[in-house]
Every structure is written in C-alpha cells, then in structure tokens.
C-alpha atoms as a PDB file:
ATOM      1  CA  TYR A   1      44.028 -32.641 -73.326  1.00  0.00           C
ATOM      2  CA  TYR A   2      40.277 -32.150 -73.814  1.00  0.00           C
ATOM      3  CA  GLN A   3      39.446 -35.469 -72.175  1.00  0.00           C
ATOM      4  CA  ARG A   4      41.532 -34.529 -69.130  1.00  0.00           C
ATOM      5  CA  LYS A   5      39.823 -31.111 -68.915  1.00  0.00           C
ATOM      6  CA  THR A   6      36.355 -32.636 -69.323  1.00  0.00           C
ATOM      7  CA  THR A   7      37.051 -35.342 -66.740  1.00  0.00           C
ATOM      8  CA  ALA A   8      38.398 -32.749 -64.286  1.00  0.00           C
ATOM      9  CA  LEU A   9      35.361 -30.543 -64.884  1.00  0.00           C
ATOM     10  CA  ILE A  10      32.944 -33.405 -64.231  1.00  0.00           C
ATOM     11  CA  ARG A  11      34.874 -34.533 -61.106  1.00  0.00           C
ATOM     12  CA  SER A  12      34.866 -31.006 -59.749  1.00  0.00           C
ATOM     13  CA  GLY A  13      31.116 -30.587 -59.977  1.00  0.00           C
ATOM     14  CA  GLY A  14      31.445 -27.889 -62.631  1.00  0.00           C
ATOM     15  CA  ASN A  15      34.294 -25.863 -61.115  1.00  0.00           C
ATOM     16  CA  LYS A  16      36.396 -24.980 -64.159  1.00  0.00           C
ATOM     17  CA  TYR A  17      39.693 -25.033 -62.232  1.00  0.00           C
ATOM     18  CA  PRO A  18      39.354 -27.803 -59.646  1.00  0.00           C
ATOM     19  CA  ASP A  19      42.778 -29.197 -58.858  1.00  0.00           C
ATOM     20  CA  TRP A  20      45.750 -26.900 -59.237  1.00  0.00           C
ATOM     21  CA  GLY A  21      44.742 -23.458 -58.505  1.00  0.00           C
ATOM     22  CA  GLY A  22      41.734 -21.719 -59.872  1.00  0.00           C
ATOM     23  CA  SER A  23      41.557 -19.258 -62.691  1.00  0.00           C
ATOM     24  CA  PRO A  24      44.931 -18.102 -64.043  1.00  0.00           C
ATOM     25  CA  TRP A  25      43.640 -14.515 -64.145  1.00  0.00           C
ATOM     26  CA  SER A  26      42.462 -14.678 -60.544  1.00  0.00           C
ATOM     27  CA  ARG A  27      45.866 -15.933 -59.451  1.00  0.00           C
ATOM     28  CA  PHE A  28      47.640 -13.234 -61.460  1.00  0.00           C
ATOM     29  CA  TRP A  29      45.533 -10.394 -60.099  1.00  0.00           C
ATOM     30  CA  ALA A  30      45.677 -11.712 -56.531  1.00  0.00           C
ATOM     31  CA  ARG A  31      49.492 -11.733 -56.750  1.00  0.00           C
ATOM     32  CA  MET A  32      49.634  -8.276 -58.355  1.00  0.00           C
ATOM     33  CA  ILE A  33      47.352  -6.748 -55.715  1.00  0.00           C
ATOM     34  CA  ASP A  34      49.461  -8.232 -52.934  1.00  0.00           C
ATOM     35  CA  ILE A  35      52.820  -7.215 -54.408  1.00  0.00           C
ATOM     36  CA  PHE A  36      51.655  -3.676 -55.153  1.00  0.00           C
ATOM     37  CA  LEU A  37      50.300  -3.185 -51.627  1.00  0.00           C
ATOM     38  CA  TYR A  38      53.394  -4.699 -49.970  1.00  0.00           C
ATOM     39  CA  VAL A  39      55.835  -2.643 -52.032  1.00  0.00           C
ATOM     40  CA  ALA A  40      53.844   0.533 -51.354  1.00  0.00           C
ATOM     41  CA  ALA A  41      53.760  -0.204 -47.606  1.00  0.00           C
ATOM     42  CA  ILE A  42      57.487  -0.968 -47.530  1.00  0.00           C
ATOM     43  CA  GLU A  43      58.288   2.217 -49.462  1.00  0.00           C
ATOM     44  CA  VAL A  44      56.294   4.302 -46.979  1.00  0.00           C
ATOM     45  CA  ILE A  45      57.801   2.627 -43.906  1.00  0.00           C
ATOM     46  CA  VAL A  46      61.376   2.740 -45.208  1.00  0.00           C
ATOM     47  CA  SER A  47      61.041   6.348 -46.384  1.00  0.00           C
ATOM     48  CA  LEU A  48      60.140   7.374 -42.822  1.00  0.00           C
ATOM     49  CA  PHE A  49      63.602   6.282 -41.663  1.00  0.00           C
ATOM     50  CA  ILE A  50      65.916   6.609 -44.665  1.00  0.00           C
ATOM     51  CA  LYS A  51      65.902   8.337 -48.016  1.00  0.00           C
ATOM     52  CA  LEU A  52      65.271   5.834 -50.772  1.00  0.00           C
ATOM     53  CA  PRO A  53      67.925   5.890 -53.498  1.00  0.00           C
ATOM     54  CA  ASP A  54      67.105   7.595 -56.786  1.00  0.00           C
ATOM     55  CA  PHE A  55      68.162   5.214 -59.532  1.00  0.00           C
ATOM     56  CA  SER A  56      67.186   7.590 -62.337  1.00  0.00           C
ATOM     57  CA  SER A  57      70.595   9.293 -62.330  1.00  0.00           C
ATOM     58  CA  ALA A  58      72.414   5.935 -62.418  1.00  0.00           C
ATOM     59  CA  THR A  59      70.323   4.384 -65.187  1.00  0.00           C
ATOM     60  CA  ALA A  60      69.641   5.236 -68.785  1.00  0.00           C
ATOM     61  CA  SER A  61      65.859   5.148 -68.529  1.00  0.00           C
ATOM     62  CA  PRO A  62      62.952   5.433 -66.090  1.00  0.00           C
ATOM     63  CA  GLN A  63      62.055   1.812 -66.890  1.00  0.00           C
ATOM     64  CA  ALA A  64      65.501   0.644 -65.752  1.00  0.00           C
ATOM     65  CA  SER A  65      65.131   2.755 -62.618  1.00  0.00           C
ATOM     66  CA  LEU A  66      61.791   1.108 -61.800  1.00  0.00           C
ATOM     67  CA  PHE A  67      63.256  -2.341 -62.495  1.00  0.00           C
ATOM     68  CA  LEU A  68      66.146  -1.722 -60.071  1.00  0.00           C
ATOM     69  CA  GLY A  69      63.747  -0.383 -57.457  1.00  0.00           C
ATOM     70  CA  GLY A  70      61.606  -3.495 -57.910  1.00  0.00           C
ATOM     71  CA  LEU A  71      64.620  -5.760 -57.464  1.00  0.00           C
ATOM     72  CA  ILE A  72      65.330  -4.094 -54.136  1.00  0.00           C
ATOM     73  CA  LEU A  73      61.745  -3.823 -52.831  1.00  0.00           C
ATOM     74  CA  THR A  74      60.260  -7.134 -53.999  1.00  0.00           C
ATOM     75  CA  PRO A  75      62.225  -9.464 -51.660  1.00  0.00           C
ATOM     76  CA  PRO A  76      60.980  -7.672 -48.498  1.00  0.00           C
ATOM     77  CA  ALA A  77      57.469  -7.783 -50.009  1.00  0.00           C
ATOM     78  CA  LEU A  78      57.804 -11.550 -50.455  1.00  0.00           C
ATOM     79  CA  VAL A  79      58.881 -11.891 -46.820  1.00  0.00           C
ATOM     80  CA  LEU A  80      55.835  -9.869 -45.727  1.00  0.00           C
ATOM     81  CA  ASP A  81      53.620 -12.121 -47.861  1.00  0.00           C
ATOM     82  CA  ALA A  82      55.144 -15.219 -46.223  1.00  0.00           C
ATOM     83  CA  VAL A  83      54.484 -13.781 -42.757  1.00  0.00           C
ATOM     84  CA  LEU A  84      50.813 -13.209 -43.644  1.00  0.00           C
ATOM     85  CA  MET A  85      50.445 -16.656 -45.213  1.00  0.00           C
ATOM     86  CA  ALA A  86      51.987 -18.336 -42.164  1.00  0.00           C
ATOM     87  CA  THR A  87      50.008 -16.354 -39.593  1.00  0.00           C
ATOM     88  CA  THR A  88      46.616 -15.853 -41.275  1.00  0.00           C
ATOM     89  CA  GLY A  89      46.675 -18.461 -44.040  1.00  0.00           C
ATOM     90  CA  THR A  90      45.842 -15.884 -46.707  1.00  0.00           C
ATOM     91  CA  THR A  91      46.550 -12.444 -48.141  1.00  0.00           C
ATOM     92  CA  LEU A  92      44.252  -9.639 -49.250  1.00  0.00           C
ATOM     93  CA  GLY A  93      44.589 -10.562 -52.930  1.00  0.00           C
ATOM     94  CA  LYS A  94      43.932 -14.252 -52.285  1.00  0.00           C
ATOM     95  CA  LYS A  95      41.004 -13.412 -50.029  1.00  0.00           C
ATOM     96  CA  LEU A  96      39.449 -11.138 -52.666  1.00  0.00           C
ATOM     97  CA  PHE A  97      39.662 -13.898 -55.265  1.00  0.00           C
ATOM     98  CA  SER A  98      38.736 -16.686 -52.820  1.00  0.00           C
ATOM     99  CA  ILE A  99      42.053 -18.486 -53.386  1.00  0.00           C
ATOM    100  CA  THR A 100      43.578 -20.770 -50.785  1.00  0.00           C
ATOM    101  CA  VAL A 101      47.067 -22.260 -50.705  1.00  0.00           C
ATOM    102  CA  HIS A 102      47.772 -25.141 -48.356  1.00  0.00           C
ATOM    103  CA  THR A 103      49.846 -28.268 -47.946  1.00  0.00           C
ATOM    104  CA  GLU A 104      48.719 -31.659 -49.212  1.00  0.00           C
ATOM    105  CA  ASP A 105      47.276 -32.442 -45.798  1.00  0.00           C
ATOM    106  CA  HIS A 106      45.289 -29.150 -45.897  1.00  0.00           C
ATOM    107  CA  LYS A 107      47.452 -27.333 -43.375  1.00  0.00           C
ATOM    108  CA  ARG A 108      48.517 -23.700 -43.517  1.00  0.00           C
ATOM    109  CA  LEU A 109      51.935 -23.093 -45.085  1.00  0.00           C
ATOM    110  CA  SER A 110      54.742 -22.440 -42.634  1.00  0.00           C
ATOM    111  CA  PHE A 111      56.720 -19.225 -42.969  1.00  0.00           C
ATOM    112  CA  PHE A 112      59.594 -21.002 -44.741  1.00  0.00           C
ATOM    113  CA  GLN A 113      57.265 -22.930 -47.077  1.00  0.00           C
ATOM    114  CA  ALA A 114      55.492 -19.703 -48.025  1.00  0.00           C
ATOM    115  CA  LEU A 115      58.799 -17.859 -48.435  1.00  0.00           C
ATOM    116  CA  GLU A 116      60.252 -20.571 -50.689  1.00  0.00           C
ATOM    117  CA  ARG A 117      57.059 -20.634 -52.757  1.00  0.00           C
ATOM    118  CA  ASN A 118      57.108 -16.837 -53.095  1.00  0.00           C
ATOM    119  CA  PHE A 119      60.698 -16.768 -54.305  1.00  0.00           C
ATOM    120  CA  ARG A 120      59.985 -19.570 -56.777  1.00  0.00           C
ATOM    121  CA  VAL A 121      57.010 -17.583 -58.118  1.00  0.00           C
ATOM    122  CA  TRP A 122      59.209 -14.508 -58.441  1.00  0.00           C
ATOM    123  CA  VAL A 123      62.098 -16.347 -60.140  1.00  0.00           C
ATOM    124  CA  TYR A 124      60.271 -18.889 -62.314  1.00  0.00           C
ATOM    125  CA  GLY A 125      56.858 -17.327 -62.718  1.00  0.00           C
ATOM    126  CA  MET A 126      57.837 -13.689 -63.042  1.00  0.00           C
ATOM    127  CA  THR A 127      61.555 -14.001 -64.023  1.00  0.00           C
ATOM    128  CA  LEU A 128      62.505 -11.460 -61.353  1.00  0.00           C
ATOM    129  CA  SER A 129      60.147  -9.058 -63.177  1.00  0.00           C
ATOM    130  CA  ALA A 130      62.704  -8.761 -65.972  1.00  0.00           C
ATOM    131  CA  PRO A 131      61.150  -6.782 -68.796  1.00  0.00           C
ATOM    132  CA  PHE A 132      60.199  -8.815 -71.845  1.00  0.00           C
ATOM    133  CA  TRP A 133      61.206 -12.184 -70.327  1.00  0.00           C
ATOM    134  CA  ASN A 134      58.440 -12.036 -67.754  1.00  0.00           C
ATOM    135  CA  ILE A 135      55.842 -11.935 -70.547  1.00  0.00           C
ATOM    136  CA  PHE A 136      57.007 -15.354 -71.746  1.00  0.00           C
ATOM    137  CA  ALA A 137      57.071 -16.795 -68.230  1.00  0.00           C
ATOM    138  CA  LEU A 138      53.642 -15.389 -67.400  1.00  0.00           C
ATOM    139  CA  TYR A 139      52.179 -16.808 -70.610  1.00  0.00           C
ATOM    140  CA  GLN A 140      53.768 -20.228 -70.076  1.00  0.00           C
ATOM    141  CA  ASN A 141      52.404 -20.446 -66.539  1.00  0.00           C
ATOM    142  CA  TYR A 142      49.021 -19.086 -67.622  1.00  0.00           C
ATOM    143  CA  ARG A 143      48.793 -22.042 -70.027  1.00  0.00           C
ATOM    144  CA  LYS A 144      49.751 -24.493 -67.276  1.00  0.00           C
ATOM    145  CA  VAL A 145      47.113 -23.268 -64.835  1.00  0.00           C
ATOM    146  CA  ALA A 146      44.468 -22.998 -67.575  1.00  0.00           C
ATOM    147  CA  SER A 147      45.282 -26.604 -68.557  1.00  0.00           C
ATOM    148  CA  ASN A 148      44.973 -27.747 -64.937  1.00  0.00           C
ATOM    149  CA  ILE A 149      48.704 -28.475 -64.645  1.00  0.00           C
ATOM    150  CA  ARG A 150      50.602 -27.569 -61.491  1.00  0.00           C
ATOM    151  CA  THR A 151      53.085 -24.751 -61.640  1.00  0.00           C
ATOM    152  CA  SER A 152      56.675 -25.622 -60.722  1.00  0.00           C
ATOM    153  CA  TRP A 153      56.513 -23.686 -57.440  1.00  0.00           C
ATOM    154  CA  ASP A 154      53.389 -25.538 -56.314  1.00  0.00           C
ATOM    155  CA  ALA A 155      54.668 -28.935 -57.457  1.00  0.00           C
ATOM    156  CA  SER A 156      58.026 -28.479 -55.686  1.00  0.00           C
ATOM    157  CA  GLY A 157      56.322 -28.124 -52.307  1.00  0.00           C
ATOM    158  CA  ASN A 158      53.305 -30.324 -53.064  1.00  0.00           C
ATOM    159  CA  PHE A 159      51.110 -27.306 -52.426  1.00  0.00           C
ATOM    160  CA  GLN A 160      47.423 -27.293 -53.233  1.00  0.00           C
ATOM    161  CA  VAL A 161      45.885 -24.119 -54.632  1.00  0.00           C
ATOM    162  CA  GLN A 162      42.116 -23.914 -54.788  1.00  0.00           C
ATOM    163  CA  GLN A 163      39.607 -21.261 -55.628  1.00  0.00           C
ATOM    164  CA  GLY A 164      36.114 -20.991 -54.244  1.00  0.00           C
ATOM    165  CA  GLN A 165      33.193 -19.712 -56.243  1.00  0.00           C
ATOM    166  CA  LEU A 166      33.182 -15.984 -56.912  1.00  0.00           C
ATOM    167  CA  THR A 167      29.922 -14.081 -56.996  1.00  0.00           C
ATOM    168  CA  LEU A 168      29.545 -11.423 -59.659  1.00  0.00           C
ATOM    169  CA  LEU A 169      29.790  -8.698 -57.011  1.00  0.00           C
ATOM    170  CA  ARG A 170      33.012 -10.162 -55.611  1.00  0.00           C
ATOM    171  CA  LYS A 171      34.507 -10.386 -59.121  1.00  0.00           C
ATOM    172  CA  VAL A 172      33.608  -6.767 -59.816  1.00  0.00           C
ATOM    173  CA  ILE A 173      35.135  -5.619 -56.510  1.00  0.00           C
ATOM    174  CA  ALA A 174      38.305  -7.712 -56.931  1.00  0.00           C
ATOM    175  CA  TYR A 175      38.962  -6.688 -60.529  1.00  0.00           C
ATOM    176  CA  THR A 176      38.130  -3.052 -59.785  1.00  0.00           C
ATOM    177  CA  ILE A 177      40.730  -3.046 -57.010  1.00  0.00           C
ATOM    178  CA  GLY A 178      43.246  -4.759 -59.291  1.00  0.00           C
ATOM    179  CA  PHE A 179      42.744  -2.376 -62.214  1.00  0.00           C
ATOM    180  CA  SER A 180      42.692   0.642 -59.879  1.00  0.00           C
ATOM    181  CA  LEU A 181      46.049  -0.350 -58.417  1.00  0.00           C
ATOM    182  CA  LEU A 182      47.424  -0.897 -61.922  1.00  0.00           C
ATOM    183  CA  ALA A 183      46.201   2.566 -62.972  1.00  0.00           C
ATOM    184  CA  LEU A 184      47.730   4.081 -59.828  1.00  0.00           C
ATOM    185  CA  ASP A 185      51.020   2.314 -60.567  1.00  0.00           C
ATOM    186  CA  LYS A 186      51.048   3.727 -64.125  1.00  0.00           C
ATOM    187  CA  LEU A 187      50.171   7.195 -62.840  1.00  0.00           C
ATOM    188  CA  ILE A 188      53.067   7.076 -60.401  1.00  0.00           C
ATOM    189  CA  PHE A 189      55.341   5.980 -63.256  1.00  0.00           C
ATOM    190  CA  ILE A 190      54.204   8.893 -65.434  1.00  0.00           C
ATOM    191  CA  LEU A 191      54.571  11.426 -62.608  1.00  0.00           C
ATOM    192  CA  ALA A 192      58.031  10.093 -61.756  1.00  0.00           C
ATOM    193  CA  ARG A 193      59.353  10.941 -65.241  1.00  0.00           C
END
C-alpha cells in the first residue's frame, strides 16, 4: 500500500492524487454542490407549473419526507448533470474544485456515458441517499479514492478523473460555497418542520 502511494506520488510530480480522481473531499463537495444546485433549480422550475407533493402527511417523519423527495428529484438532477458534462465538459462543483472527468482517450463524456456514471455514483456511491447505508458507501469509496483506487463507476466506463492544483483562495471559495449550501439545506430542513 505505502509503496504504491509513494510510487504514485513520485510519478505524479508531487500531486497527492494523480491517477484516479483527486482528493476524496474535493470530489464529495463537488458532487454535493452540483446536486444541491440542480435539485433547487428543478424544485423552482417544477413548482412554477405544478404543486409539488407534500410527503409529510404520508410519512412518519420529516426525514422520511425528505428522503422521498430526494428519490423523486435526484434522477432529473442527474440528467441535468449529464447534459452539462456532455455539452460543457464540466459542472460548477467540478470547476470549483478543478476536477475533470474524461474518457481514456481524453475526450469529453457523451450524454449517455455521463448519465450512466451519474446513476452508478448515486446507486453505488451514495446508495440512493438511503439514510445510514450511505455513510458506509461514502466511507468505502472515500478509502478507495484516498488509496488511489478507481471507484466502480469510473472503472466500469474506463473514465479518468483528475484534479488540478487548487490555490488557497480557490479552496477557501469552494469550501465556503459547499458549507454555505449545506447550512442552507439544514436551515430549509429546520424551517420545513
């Protein structure tokens, strides 16, 4: 393990995460920023045309209500992410953290490649956001990325994930946005009770 990490570090010219995807925390926060923004945008757009269902009366708890809402709103968010990846080659979260995802021959992912990757991340990396289980999946995949091992969704499509150098200012901006969105999400949860 340590020899592989040391060899990879030397080969990469000092980049701690050279081969399969950058820092696990950068990847996590990039994904969370994107999902939060997509879900919020979809909620606003959909609410202009139809009244969103209130799951609180059909469920025993606010947490279950949020989980059901997430199950309904996440798939359209993943489609939106795939559209952005196919057309621009990046997303806001990935751009903030200087993360790129491309094919083995360094080409932009097609819509269907990006969509398949997104659903694999959601199912295998986030266990459909199922409470409790997603903690185990997130930790397992954190260990893989930190150990320079490809995640299953990147290996299945032979995708390359790389992260450029982040300046201190860029890190501060990216993490501030990430934590601000998390705080906003928690505030919405509290106000929805």
